[in-house]
Structures are given as structure tokens and as C-alpha cells.
Amino acid sequence: MKLTTSRESVSHAMRAYAEGKRASGARDAKTWFVRGPDAKLLPLKHILSIATGLPTRDFNTSDAISTAQSLGFEPVFVGDPVLADIVQVLESKRTDATEVEQLILARLGQGAFRRSLLKERKQCFVTGYPDPQVLVASHIKPWARSSDTERLNPKNGLLLIPTLDRAFDRGLISFEDEGQILISDRLMKPEKLGINRRLRLSAFVGRETFLEYHRRKVFKR
């Protein structure tokens, strides 16, 4: 089934997505993306959700693929959003091999980005758990929405245990500028995950701008 929209509407949705707009109730695709005018890979169903005004649950991936193709856009199967971000970096016009390497490592939570976070505090920034083998180097402002400078900036990062990293990445928790935790009503039984309102982010100084972005654009109130 072809969705009712136009090439102009899809192009406008791509620009709106790049500026931070998200369709209500939409979820980013995990496997299918569409190539934007600047060659950046964008989540296919999310873009068409913005373009049509339909929630993603009201149409399937095959509908999205056929609609994009009929309008002259290129659907791309990736299989993993992290891989999609890496492909975007590799396909960019960046000529500095060291910069490309550090961007990829930062997306994977490795390299200089992770080392800087570990140098700041060798423990989870919330719970104090100390084993670096378990800690995840996570971006506060999502990697896909950050500039190259922000992607490599350790102040745009947190070291978290996996449970908190997952909840933070999904917008199910966030933090005030002075570290108080915010817990979304959409997180089911947070106490079963060890998430409660007594938790605080200890390393918040210098991260206020990124935390404000996360509260405004990522956190699900």
C-alpha cells in the first residue's frame, strides 16, 4: 500500500527530523533507513510518520519502502542503527582519517571519548559501580543529532551501568542540571531495575547544556 504523501512533504520531514522534530508515538526503525539529500541515513518509518502524520503503528515497513521508492528516495537496509551511523561517517566527505576513526570509536563508546570519561571518574556516574568492563560510555545528546565536535566532547557523555544506559538512551530517565534523576511514567516498575528517585548524577558540572537537550528532546514525560 502506498501512503498518501509527496516528495516535497518527505523532504520537509527529513529537514524537520534533522532539526530535532519527532513524530508523536513514532519509534525509530531498527533496520530500514532512507537516504536524505545530504546522504545521511534517516529512519524510514519515522520520516514517513512525520510526512504523513500517521503513527508508525498504522503502516508497515513494506508500505514505507514502496512509498519512498515511488517518490524517488532510496530505502537502505542496515540492520543496526549503530552500523547506520558508522556507515554515514564512512560515506561522508571527511578526509582526516584520525577524525573518522575517533568518530566511529566514539559511536561505539570507545576510543578517546571513553578514555576521557574514565579519566574523569572510574565508576558509574550515578551508582558508583567501579568495574570498567561493565560500564557503558553513553552520549547525552544522541550521537545522530550531535555535531562532530559534540560527538567527541566528553562533557556530552556519561559512564553508566547497562540498565541506566538503556533507560537513558530510550528517554525513560533523565537528569536535572544539578543531578536529580527524572523517571518517566512510561518506565514500567522502575524499582525492579534498581531505579528510584534517590539516585543522582554525580558528574553534572559542565554537562548542563547537554542535559537540558536530553530533557527537552529525548526524555519521555
C-alpha atoms as a PDB file:
ATOM      1  CA  MET A   1       0.000   0.000   0.000  1.00  0.00           C
ATOM      2  CA  LYS A   2       1.370   3.375  -0.985  1.00  0.00           C
ATOM      3  CA  LEU A   3       0.988   6.066   1.660  1.00  0.00           C
ATOM      4  CA  THR A   4      -0.579   9.400   0.782  1.00  0.00           C
ATOM      5  CA  THR A   5       2.224  11.951   0.757  1.00  0.00           C
ATOM      6  CA  SER A   6       4.501  13.803  -1.667  1.00  0.00           C
ATOM      7  CA  ARG A   7       8.197  14.108  -2.346  1.00  0.00           C
ATOM      8  CA  GLU A   8       8.054  17.674  -1.009  1.00  0.00           C
ATOM      9  CA  SER A   9       6.446  16.503   2.244  1.00  0.00           C
ATOM     10  CA  VAL A  10       9.047  13.775   2.723  1.00  0.00           C
ATOM     11  CA  SER A  11      11.879  16.230   2.054  1.00  0.00           C
ATOM     12  CA  HIS A  12      10.364  18.621   4.586  1.00  0.00           C
ATOM     13  CA  ALA A  13      10.088  15.745   7.099  1.00  0.00           C
ATOM     14  CA  MET A  14      13.788  14.971   6.603  1.00  0.00           C
ATOM     15  CA  ARG A  15      14.720  18.575   7.347  1.00  0.00           C
ATOM     16  CA  ALA A  16      12.414  18.648  10.380  1.00  0.00           C
ATOM     17  CA  TYR A  17      13.900  15.393  11.698  1.00  0.00           C
ATOM     18  CA  ALA A  18      17.427  16.768  11.288  1.00  0.00           C
ATOM     19  CA  GLU A  19      16.338  19.788  13.360  1.00  0.00           C
ATOM     20  CA  GLY A  20      15.088  17.540  16.150  1.00  0.00           C
ATOM     21  CA  LYS A  21      11.397  17.048  15.376  1.00  0.00           C
ATOM     22  CA  ARG A  22       9.959  13.676  16.346  1.00  0.00           C
ATOM     23  CA  ALA A  23       6.505  12.352  15.492  1.00  0.00           C
ATOM     24  CA  SER A  24       4.329  11.583  18.493  1.00  0.00           C
ATOM     25  CA  GLY A  25       4.349   7.877  19.248  1.00  0.00           C
ATOM     26  CA  ALA A  26       6.853   7.085  16.500  1.00  0.00           C
ATOM     27  CA  ARG A  27       9.752   4.712  17.009  1.00  0.00           C
ATOM     28  CA  ASP A  28      12.982   4.872  15.039  1.00  0.00           C
ATOM     29  CA  ALA A  29      13.346   1.978  12.600  1.00  0.00           C
ATOM     30  CA  LYS A  30      15.923  -0.619  13.549  1.00  0.00           C
ATOM     31  CA  THR A  31      16.623  -1.998  10.067  1.00  0.00           C
ATOM     32  CA  TRP A  32      15.351   0.281   7.285  1.00  0.00           C
ATOM     33  CA  PHE A  33      16.572   3.795   6.637  1.00  0.00           C
ATOM     34  CA  VAL A  34      16.195   6.316   3.839  1.00  0.00           C
ATOM     35  CA  ARG A  35      18.992   8.352   2.359  1.00  0.00           C
ATOM     36  CA  GLY A  36      18.461  12.081   2.812  1.00  0.00           C
ATOM     37  CA  PRO A  37      19.561  14.873   0.457  1.00  0.00           C
ATOM     38  CA  ASP A  38      22.919  15.160   2.258  1.00  0.00           C
ATOM     39  CA  ALA A  39      23.414  11.358   2.032  1.00  0.00           C
ATOM     40  CA  LYS A  40      22.682  10.948   5.743  1.00  0.00           C
ATOM     41  CA  LEU A  41      20.735   7.822   6.672  1.00  0.00           C
ATOM     42  CA  LEU A  42      17.448   8.620   8.428  1.00  0.00           C
ATOM     43  CA  PRO A  43      14.933   6.166   9.992  1.00  0.00           C
ATOM     44  CA  LEU A  44      12.482   5.340   7.198  1.00  0.00           C
ATOM     45  CA  LYS A  45       9.250   4.831   9.101  1.00  0.00           C
ATOM     46  CA  HIS A  46       9.890   7.814  11.361  1.00  0.00           C
ATOM     47  CA  ILE A  47      10.389  10.115   8.361  1.00  0.00           C
ATOM     48  CA  LEU A  48       7.184   8.908   6.720  1.00  0.00           C
ATOM     49  CA  SER A  49       5.351   9.238  10.022  1.00  0.00           C
ATOM     50  CA  ILE A  50       6.293  12.926  10.121  1.00  0.00           C
ATOM     51  CA  ALA A  51       5.465  13.370   6.420  1.00  0.00           C
ATOM     52  CA  THR A  52       2.031  11.725   6.626  1.00  0.00           C
ATOM     53  CA  GLY A  53       1.033  12.494  10.197  1.00  0.00           C
ATOM     54  CA  LEU A  54       0.365   8.785  10.757  1.00  0.00           C
ATOM     55  CA  PRO A  55       1.767   6.916  13.769  1.00  0.00           C
ATOM     56  CA  THR A  56       4.245   4.234  12.749  1.00  0.00           C
ATOM     57  CA  ARG A  57       1.920   1.520  14.032  1.00  0.00           C
ATOM     58  CA  ASP A  58      -0.609   2.431  11.297  1.00  0.00           C
ATOM     59  CA  PHE A  59       1.614   1.291   8.409  1.00  0.00           C
ATOM     60  CA  ASN A  60       4.160  -1.457   7.908  1.00  0.00           C
ATOM     61  CA  THR A  61       7.717  -1.375   6.634  1.00  0.00           C
ATOM     62  CA  SER A  62       6.784  -2.595   3.150  1.00  0.00           C
ATOM     63  CA  ASP A  63       4.341   0.332   2.838  1.00  0.00           C
ATOM     64  CA  ALA A  64       7.128   2.708   3.800  1.00  0.00           C
ATOM     65  CA  ILE A  65       9.597   1.143   1.353  1.00  0.00           C
ATOM     66  CA  SER A  66       7.205   1.240  -1.608  1.00  0.00           C
ATOM     67  CA  THR A  67       6.177   4.819  -0.846  1.00  0.00           C
ATOM     68  CA  ALA A  68       9.772   6.036  -0.588  1.00  0.00           C
ATOM     69  CA  GLN A  69      10.744   4.295  -3.831  1.00  0.00           C
ATOM     70  CA  SER A  70       7.733   5.674  -5.704  1.00  0.00           C
ATOM     71  CA  LEU A  71       8.788   9.197  -4.704  1.00  0.00           C
ATOM     72  CA  GLY A  72      12.381   8.704  -5.852  1.00  0.00           C
ATOM     73  CA  PHE A  73      14.005   8.128  -2.459  1.00  0.00           C
ATOM     74  CA  GLU A  74      16.455   5.325  -1.699  1.00  0.00           C
ATOM     75  CA  PRO A  75      15.499   2.944   1.137  1.00  0.00           C
ATOM     76  CA  VAL A  76      18.569   1.355   2.735  1.00  0.00           C
ATOM     77  CA  PHE A  77      18.642  -1.863   4.767  1.00  0.00           C
ATOM     78  CA  VAL A  78      21.243  -1.669   7.512  1.00  0.00           C
ATOM     79  CA  GLY A  79      20.051  -3.912  10.322  1.00  0.00           C
ATOM     80  CA  ASP A  80      21.556  -1.922  13.182  1.00  0.00           C
ATOM     81  CA  PRO A  81      21.210   1.821  13.923  1.00  0.00           C
ATOM     82  CA  VAL A  82      24.766   1.943  15.272  1.00  0.00           C
ATOM     83  CA  LEU A  83      26.016   0.492  12.000  1.00  0.00           C
ATOM     84  CA  ALA A  84      23.930   3.054  10.128  1.00  0.00           C
ATOM     85  CA  ASP A  85      25.694   5.880  11.953  1.00  0.00           C
ATOM     86  CA  ILE A  86      29.083   4.329  11.185  1.00  0.00           C
ATOM     87  CA  VAL A  87      28.181   3.937   7.501  1.00  0.00           C
ATOM     88  CA  GLN A  88      27.199   7.604   7.474  1.00  0.00           C
ATOM     89  CA  VAL A  89      30.637   8.596   8.777  1.00  0.00           C
ATOM     90  CA  LEU A  90      32.448   6.342   6.298  1.00  0.00           C
ATOM     91  CA  GLU A  91      30.411   7.696   3.384  1.00  0.00           C
ATOM     92  CA  SER A  92      30.950  11.323   4.375  1.00  0.00           C
ATOM     93  CA  LYS A  93      33.413  13.670   2.708  1.00  0.00           C
ATOM     94  CA  ARG A  94      35.684  13.817   5.751  1.00  0.00           C
ATOM     95  CA  THR A  95      39.329  13.467   4.715  1.00  0.00           C
ATOM     96  CA  ASP A  96      41.000  13.277   8.129  1.00  0.00           C
ATOM     97  CA  ALA A  97      41.409   9.540   8.812  1.00  0.00           C
ATOM     98  CA  THR A  98      42.126  10.127  12.504  1.00  0.00           C
ATOM     99  CA  GLU A  99      38.924  12.142  12.908  1.00  0.00           C
ATOM    100  CA  VAL A 100      36.913   9.422  11.139  1.00  0.00           C
ATOM    101  CA  GLU A 101      38.424   6.765  13.401  1.00  0.00           C
ATOM    102  CA  GLN A 102      37.667   8.733  16.584  1.00  0.00           C
ATOM    103  CA  LEU A 103      34.082   9.434  15.476  1.00  0.00           C
ATOM    104  CA  ILE A 104      33.482   5.731  14.871  1.00  0.00           C
ATOM    105  CA  LEU A 105      35.079   4.791  18.189  1.00  0.00           C
ATOM    106  CA  ALA A 106      33.004   7.441  19.964  1.00  0.00           C
ATOM    107  CA  ARG A 107      29.833   5.978  18.427  1.00  0.00           C
ATOM    108  CA  LEU A 108      30.874   2.602  19.794  1.00  0.00           C
ATOM    109  CA  GLY A 109      31.583   4.121  23.212  1.00  0.00           C
ATOM    110  CA  GLN A 110      35.315   3.538  22.806  1.00  0.00           C
ATOM    111  CA  GLY A 111      38.490   5.477  21.959  1.00  0.00           C
ATOM    112  CA  ALA A 112      39.410   8.882  23.337  1.00  0.00           C
ATOM    113  CA  PHE A 113      35.772   9.577  24.243  1.00  0.00           C
ATOM    114  CA  ARG A 114      35.628   6.642  26.659  1.00  0.00           C
ATOM    115  CA  ARG A 115      39.151   7.223  27.978  1.00  0.00           C
ATOM    116  CA  SER A 116      38.274  10.810  28.875  1.00  0.00           C
ATOM    117  CA  LEU A 117      35.210   9.674  30.810  1.00  0.00           C
ATOM    118  CA  LEU A 118      37.203   7.025  32.676  1.00  0.00           C
ATOM    119  CA  LYS A 119      39.891   9.578  33.466  1.00  0.00           C
ATOM    120  CA  GLU A 120      37.230  11.833  34.976  1.00  0.00           C
ATOM    121  CA  ARG A 121      35.712   9.084  37.135  1.00  0.00           C
ATOM    122  CA  LYS A 122      36.452   5.372  37.042  1.00  0.00           C
ATOM    123  CA  GLN A 123      32.935   4.456  38.093  1.00  0.00           C
ATOM    124  CA  CYS A 124      29.294   4.763  37.090  1.00  0.00           C
ATOM    125  CA  PHE A 125      28.384   8.444  37.284  1.00  0.00           C
ATOM    126  CA  VAL A 126      25.163   7.552  39.133  1.00  0.00           C
ATOM    127  CA  THR A 127      25.623   4.385  41.195  1.00  0.00           C
ATOM    128  CA  GLY A 128      29.379   4.468  41.747  1.00  0.00           C
ATOM    129  CA  TYR A 129      29.796   0.921  40.416  1.00  0.00           C
ATOM    130  CA  PRO A 130      33.550   0.652  39.678  1.00  0.00           C
ATOM    131  CA  ASP A 131      34.206  -2.152  37.152  1.00  0.00           C
ATOM    132  CA  PRO A 132      35.031  -0.526  33.749  1.00  0.00           C
ATOM    133  CA  GLN A 133      34.359  -3.843  31.984  1.00  0.00           C
ATOM    134  CA  VAL A 134      30.658  -3.296  32.649  1.00  0.00           C
ATOM    135  CA  LEU A 135      30.367   0.491  32.244  1.00  0.00           C
ATOM    136  CA  VAL A 136      28.917   1.967  29.047  1.00  0.00           C
ATOM    137  CA  ALA A 137      30.156   5.277  27.624  1.00  0.00           C
ATOM    138  CA  SER A 138      26.917   6.900  26.529  1.00  0.00           C
ATOM    139  CA  HIS A 139      26.188  10.200  24.746  1.00  0.00           C
ATOM    140  CA  ILE A 140      23.784  12.617  26.450  1.00  0.00           C
ATOM    141  CA  LYS A 141      22.728  14.414  23.290  1.00  0.00           C
ATOM    142  CA  PRO A 142      22.204  11.491  20.914  1.00  0.00           C
ATOM    143  CA  TRP A 143      25.123  10.804  18.586  1.00  0.00           C
ATOM    144  CA  ALA A 144      22.943  11.039  15.475  1.00  0.00           C
ATOM    145  CA  ARG A 145      21.800  14.557  16.434  1.00  0.00           C
ATOM    146  CA  SER A 146      25.208  15.857  17.519  1.00  0.00           C
ATOM    147  CA  SER A 147      27.851  17.758  15.588  1.00  0.00           C
ATOM    148  CA  ASP A 148      31.256  16.127  15.169  1.00  0.00           C
ATOM    149  CA  THR A 149      32.603  18.323  17.969  1.00  0.00           C
ATOM    150  CA  GLU A 150      29.754  17.290  20.283  1.00  0.00           C
ATOM    151  CA  ARG A 151      30.256  13.620  19.393  1.00  0.00           C
ATOM    152  CA  LEU A 152      33.832  13.739  20.658  1.00  0.00           C
ATOM    153  CA  ASN A 153      33.182  16.038  23.634  1.00  0.00           C
ATOM    154  CA  PRO A 154      33.367  14.021  26.896  1.00  0.00           C
ATOM    155  CA  LYS A 155      31.020  16.551  28.520  1.00  0.00           C
ATOM    156  CA  ASN A 156      28.400  15.099  26.173  1.00  0.00           C
ATOM    157  CA  GLY A 157      28.983  11.717  27.781  1.00  0.00           C
ATOM    158  CA  LEU A 158      28.177   9.659  30.846  1.00  0.00           C
ATOM    159  CA  LEU A 159      29.589   6.406  32.206  1.00  0.00           C
ATOM    160  CA  LEU A 160      26.624   4.293  33.250  1.00  0.00           C
ATOM    161  CA  ILE A 161      25.847   0.732  34.193  1.00  0.00           C
ATOM    162  CA  PRO A 162      23.957  -1.018  31.338  1.00  0.00           C
ATOM    163  CA  THR A 163      20.498  -0.753  32.899  1.00  0.00           C
ATOM    164  CA  LEU A 164      20.760   3.005  33.373  1.00  0.00           C
ATOM    165  CA  ASP A 165      22.375   3.422  29.949  1.00  0.00           C
ATOM    166  CA  ARG A 166      19.464   1.647  28.271  1.00  0.00           C
ATOM    167  CA  ALA A 167      16.841   3.643  30.167  1.00  0.00           C
ATOM    168  CA  PHE A 168      18.665   6.926  29.498  1.00  0.00           C
ATOM    169  CA  ASP A 169      19.096   6.142  25.789  1.00  0.00           C
ATOM    170  CA  ARG A 170      15.373   5.363  25.483  1.00  0.00           C
ATOM    171  CA  GLY A 171      14.368   8.575  27.260  1.00  0.00           C
ATOM    172  CA  LEU A 172      12.931   6.686  30.223  1.00  0.00           C
ATOM    173  CA  ILE A 173      15.159   8.527  32.679  1.00  0.00           C
ATOM    174  CA  SER A 174      16.939  11.864  32.573  1.00  0.00           C
ATOM    175  CA  PHE A 175      18.670  14.232  34.990  1.00  0.00           C
ATOM    176  CA  GLU A 176      18.226  17.793  36.183  1.00  0.00           C
ATOM    177  CA  ASP A 177      21.176  20.186  35.844  1.00  0.00           C
ATOM    178  CA  GLU A 178      22.165  19.505  39.452  1.00  0.00           C
ATOM    179  CA  GLY A 179      21.910  15.743  39.134  1.00  0.00           C
ATOM    180  CA  GLN A 180      18.427  14.850  40.384  1.00  0.00           C
ATOM    181  CA  ILE A 181      17.017  11.887  38.477  1.00  0.00           C
ATOM    182  CA  LEU A 182      13.818  12.144  36.440  1.00  0.00           C
ATOM    183  CA  ILE A 183      11.856   8.938  35.870  1.00  0.00           C
ATOM    184  CA  SER A 184       9.369   8.711  33.018  1.00  0.00           C
ATOM    185  CA  ASP A 185       5.847   7.472  33.726  1.00  0.00           C
ATOM    186  CA  ARG A 186       6.387   5.159  30.742  1.00  0.00           C
ATOM    187  CA  LEU A 187       9.032   3.117  32.558  1.00  0.00           C
ATOM    188  CA  MET A 188       7.327   0.055  33.994  1.00  0.00           C
ATOM    189  CA  LYS A 189       8.233  -0.911  37.578  1.00  0.00           C
ATOM    190  CA  PRO A 190      11.486   1.087  37.755  1.00  0.00           C
ATOM    191  CA  GLU A 191      12.160  -0.262  41.251  1.00  0.00           C
ATOM    192  CA  LYS A 192      12.639  -3.729  39.742  1.00  0.00           C
ATOM    193  CA  LEU A 193      15.583  -2.247  37.820  1.00  0.00           C
ATOM    194  CA  GLY A 194      17.017  -0.539  40.878  1.00  0.00           C
ATOM    195  CA  ILE A 195      15.869   2.837  39.559  1.00  0.00           C
ATOM    196  CA  ASN A 196      14.439   5.167  42.192  1.00  0.00           C
ATOM    197  CA  ARG A 197      14.255   8.868  42.968  1.00  0.00           C
ATOM    198  CA  ARG A 198      17.175   8.674  45.401  1.00  0.00           C
ATOM    199  CA  LEU A 199      19.612   8.181  42.528  1.00  0.00           C
ATOM    200  CA  ARG A 200      21.647  11.213  41.495  1.00  0.00           C
ATOM    201  CA  LEU A 201      24.081  12.024  38.724  1.00  0.00           C
ATOM    202  CA  SER A 202      27.344  12.933  40.432  1.00  0.00           C
ATOM    203  CA  ALA A 203      29.250  14.325  37.423  1.00  0.00           C
ATOM    204  CA  PHE A 204      26.924  17.054  36.154  1.00  0.00           C
ATOM    205  CA  VAL A 205      29.195  20.128  36.090  1.00  0.00           C
ATOM    206  CA  GLY A 206      29.831  21.208  32.500  1.00  0.00           C
ATOM    207  CA  ARG A 207      27.072  18.943  31.176  1.00  0.00           C
ATOM    208  CA  GLU A 208      24.131  21.285  31.790  1.00  0.00           C
ATOM    209  CA  THR A 209      23.579  22.213  28.119  1.00  0.00           C
ATOM    210  CA  PHE A 210      23.553  18.585  27.006  1.00  0.00           C
ATOM    211  CA  LEU A 211      21.329  17.530  29.914  1.00  0.00           C
ATOM    212  CA  GLU A 212      18.868  20.290  29.044  1.00  0.00           C
ATOM    213  CA  TYR A 213      18.732  18.970  25.461  1.00  0.00           C
ATOM    214  CA  HIS A 214      18.105  15.434  26.704  1.00  0.00           C
ATOM    215  CA  ARG A 215      15.261  16.574  28.959  1.00  0.00           C
ATOM    216  CA  ARG A 216      13.680  18.618  26.173  1.00  0.00           C
ATOM    217  CA  LYS A 217      14.173  16.341  23.171  1.00  0.00           C
ATOM    218  CA  VAL A 218      14.697  12.766  24.439  1.00  0.00           C
ATOM    219  CA  PHE A 219      13.054  12.338  27.830  1.00  0.00           C
ATOM    220  CA  LYS A 220       9.509  10.934  27.683  1.00  0.00           C
ATOM    221  CA  ARG A 221       7.486  12.751  30.286  1.00  0.00           C
END
